[in-house]
């Protein structure tokens, strides 16, 4: 199996997990959601050997930055964000 196939499989698995988690977080206090996600990210990063943690953190943030425009587009299409958010990076 190639790395691309592994990545595609991971994306499909993550989509399932996200859809399971989304209803739990929906409607919660944004500060509590942020703190929850921070704890989960810390668990993920801490689960790697110390020499790898910095690289894992950077890889994770690169992934997040790449996903933000995709998520914004989904929010706009669903009517949960204004059109002005499209392309408004940082």
C-alpha atoms as a PDB file:
ATOM      1  CA  UNK A   1       0.000   0.000   0.000  1.00  0.00           C
ATOM      2  CA  UNK A   2       1.372   3.443  -0.896  1.00  0.00           C
ATOM      3  CA  UNK A   3       1.605   6.424   1.428  1.00  0.00           C
ATOM      4  CA  UNK A   4      -1.160   8.111  -0.598  1.00  0.00           C
ATOM      5  CA  UNK A   5      -3.432   5.100  -0.043  1.00  0.00           C
ATOM      6  CA  UNK A   6      -2.622   5.171   3.676  1.00  0.00           C
ATOM      7  CA  UNK A   7      -3.436   8.883   3.783  1.00  0.00           C
ATOM      8  CA  UNK A   8      -6.730   8.381   1.931  1.00  0.00           C
ATOM      9  CA  UNK A   9      -7.689   5.575   4.328  1.00  0.00           C
ATOM     10  CA  UNK A  10      -6.834   7.788   7.300  1.00  0.00           C
ATOM     11  CA  UNK A  11      -8.998  10.574   5.859  1.00  0.00           C
ATOM     12  CA  UNK A  12     -11.960   8.229   5.485  1.00  0.00           C
ATOM     13  CA  UNK A  13     -11.513   7.003   9.057  1.00  0.00           C
ATOM     14  CA  UNK A  14     -11.200  10.558  10.349  1.00  0.00           C
ATOM     15  CA  UNK A  15     -14.409  11.581   8.559  1.00  0.00           C
ATOM     16  CA  UNK A  16     -16.270   8.857  10.472  1.00  0.00           C
ATOM     17  CA  UNK A  17     -14.774   9.943  13.795  1.00  0.00           C
ATOM     18  CA  UNK A  18     -15.494  13.618  13.132  1.00  0.00           C
ATOM     19  CA  UNK A  19     -19.146  12.849  12.394  1.00  0.00           C
ATOM     20  CA  UNK A  20     -19.368  10.917  15.683  1.00  0.00           C
ATOM     21  CA  UNK A  21     -17.745  13.740  17.662  1.00  0.00           C
ATOM     22  CA  UNK A  22     -19.516  16.669  15.971  1.00  0.00           C
ATOM     23  CA  UNK A  23     -22.870  16.212  17.785  1.00  0.00           C
ATOM     24  CA  UNK A  24     -21.090  16.005  21.141  1.00  0.00           C
ATOM     25  CA  UNK A  25     -19.363  19.362  20.587  1.00  0.00           C
ATOM     26  CA  UNK A  26     -22.273  21.120  18.858  1.00  0.00           C
ATOM     27  CA  UNK A  27     -23.813  23.815  21.000  1.00  0.00           C
ATOM     28  CA  UNK A  28     -21.131  23.627  23.681  1.00  0.00           C
ATOM     29  CA  UNK A  29     -19.337  26.673  25.030  1.00  0.00           C
ATOM     30  CA  UNK A  30     -16.580  27.533  22.498  1.00  0.00           C
ATOM     31  CA  UNK A  31     -14.037  27.888  25.318  1.00  0.00           C
ATOM     32  CA  UNK A  32     -14.844  24.375  26.541  1.00  0.00           C
ATOM     33  CA  UNK A  33     -14.604  22.998  22.995  1.00  0.00           C
ATOM     34  CA  UNK A  34     -11.222  24.687  22.505  1.00  0.00           C
ATOM     35  CA  UNK A  35      -9.949  23.325  25.822  1.00  0.00           C
ATOM     36  CA  UNK A  36     -11.215  19.845  24.902  1.00  0.00           C
ATOM     37  CA  UNK A  37      -9.493  19.908  21.531  1.00  0.00           C
ATOM     38  CA  UNK A  38      -6.295  21.200  23.164  1.00  0.00           C
ATOM     39  CA  UNK A  39      -6.328  18.260  25.584  1.00  0.00           C
ATOM     40  CA  UNK A  40      -6.870  15.777  22.759  1.00  0.00           C
ATOM     41  CA  UNK A  41      -4.038  17.314  20.725  1.00  0.00           C
ATOM     42  CA  UNK A  42      -1.755  17.212  23.762  1.00  0.00           C
ATOM     43  CA  UNK A  43      -2.568  13.524  24.220  1.00  0.00           C
ATOM     44  CA  UNK A  44      -1.799  12.883  20.546  1.00  0.00           C
ATOM     45  CA  UNK A  45       1.532  14.746  20.653  1.00  0.00           C
ATOM     46  CA  UNK A  46       2.560  13.279  24.025  1.00  0.00           C
ATOM     47  CA  UNK A  47       2.016   9.808  22.562  1.00  0.00           C
ATOM     48  CA  UNK A  48       5.051  10.284  20.335  1.00  0.00           C
ATOM     49  CA  UNK A  49       8.647   9.889  21.421  1.00  0.00           C
ATOM     50  CA  UNK A  50      10.103  13.176  22.703  1.00  0.00           C
ATOM     51  CA  UNK A  51      12.427  13.704  19.716  1.00  0.00           C
ATOM     52  CA  UNK A  52       9.416  13.484  17.357  1.00  0.00           C
ATOM     53  CA  UNK A  53       6.997  15.772  19.202  1.00  0.00           C
ATOM     54  CA  UNK A  54       8.056  19.044  17.602  1.00  0.00           C
ATOM     55  CA  UNK A  55       7.820  17.585  14.098  1.00  0.00           C
ATOM     56  CA  UNK A  56       4.438  16.001  14.894  1.00  0.00           C
ATOM     57  CA  UNK A  57       3.124  19.324  16.220  1.00  0.00           C
ATOM     58  CA  UNK A  58       4.265  21.128  13.053  1.00  0.00           C
ATOM     59  CA  UNK A  59       2.798  18.426  10.801  1.00  0.00           C
ATOM     60  CA  UNK A  60      -0.495  18.632  12.669  1.00  0.00           C
ATOM     61  CA  UNK A  61      -0.686  22.418  12.347  1.00  0.00           C
ATOM     62  CA  UNK A  62       0.171  22.219   8.628  1.00  0.00           C
ATOM     63  CA  UNK A  63      -2.714  19.789   8.260  1.00  0.00           C
ATOM     64  CA  UNK A  64      -5.057  22.113  10.169  1.00  0.00           C
ATOM     65  CA  UNK A  65      -4.052  25.102   8.042  1.00  0.00           C
ATOM     66  CA  UNK A  66      -4.766  23.121   4.887  1.00  0.00           C
ATOM     67  CA  UNK A  67      -8.172  22.059   6.166  1.00  0.00           C
ATOM     68  CA  UNK A  68      -9.391  25.497   7.280  1.00  0.00           C
ATOM     69  CA  UNK A  69     -10.365  26.694   3.766  1.00  0.00           C
ATOM     70  CA  UNK A  70     -12.171  23.393   3.150  1.00  0.00           C
ATOM     71  CA  UNK A  71     -14.118  23.711   6.398  1.00  0.00           C
ATOM     72  CA  UNK A  72     -14.934  27.377   5.742  1.00  0.00           C
ATOM     73  CA  UNK A  73     -16.359  26.423   2.341  1.00  0.00           C
ATOM     74  CA  UNK A  74     -18.479  23.703   3.944  1.00  0.00           C
ATOM     75  CA  UNK A  75     -19.739  26.207   6.523  1.00  0.00           C
ATOM     76  CA  UNK A  76     -20.633  28.739   3.814  1.00  0.00           C
ATOM     77  CA  UNK A  77     -22.488  26.126   1.767  1.00  0.00           C
ATOM     78  CA  UNK A  78     -24.394  25.007   4.876  1.00  0.00           C
ATOM     79  CA  UNK A  79     -25.312  28.612   5.714  1.00  0.00           C
ATOM     80  CA  UNK A  80     -23.267  28.675   8.916  1.00  0.00           C
ATOM     81  CA  UNK A  81     -20.765  31.302   7.729  1.00  0.00           C
ATOM     82  CA  UNK A  82     -21.022  34.440   5.586  1.00  0.00           C
ATOM     83  CA  UNK A  83     -19.628  34.564   2.060  1.00  0.00           C
ATOM     84  CA  UNK A  84     -17.016  37.114   3.213  1.00  0.00           C
ATOM     85  CA  UNK A  85     -15.243  34.319   5.078  1.00  0.00           C
ATOM     86  CA  UNK A  86     -14.290  32.708   1.753  1.00  0.00           C
ATOM     87  CA  UNK A  87     -10.616  33.427   1.067  1.00  0.00           C
ATOM     88  CA  UNK A  88     -10.236  35.546   4.203  1.00  0.00           C
ATOM     89  CA  UNK A  89      -7.101  33.893   5.535  1.00  0.00           C
ATOM     90  CA  UNK A  90      -5.614  35.208   8.768  1.00  0.00           C
END
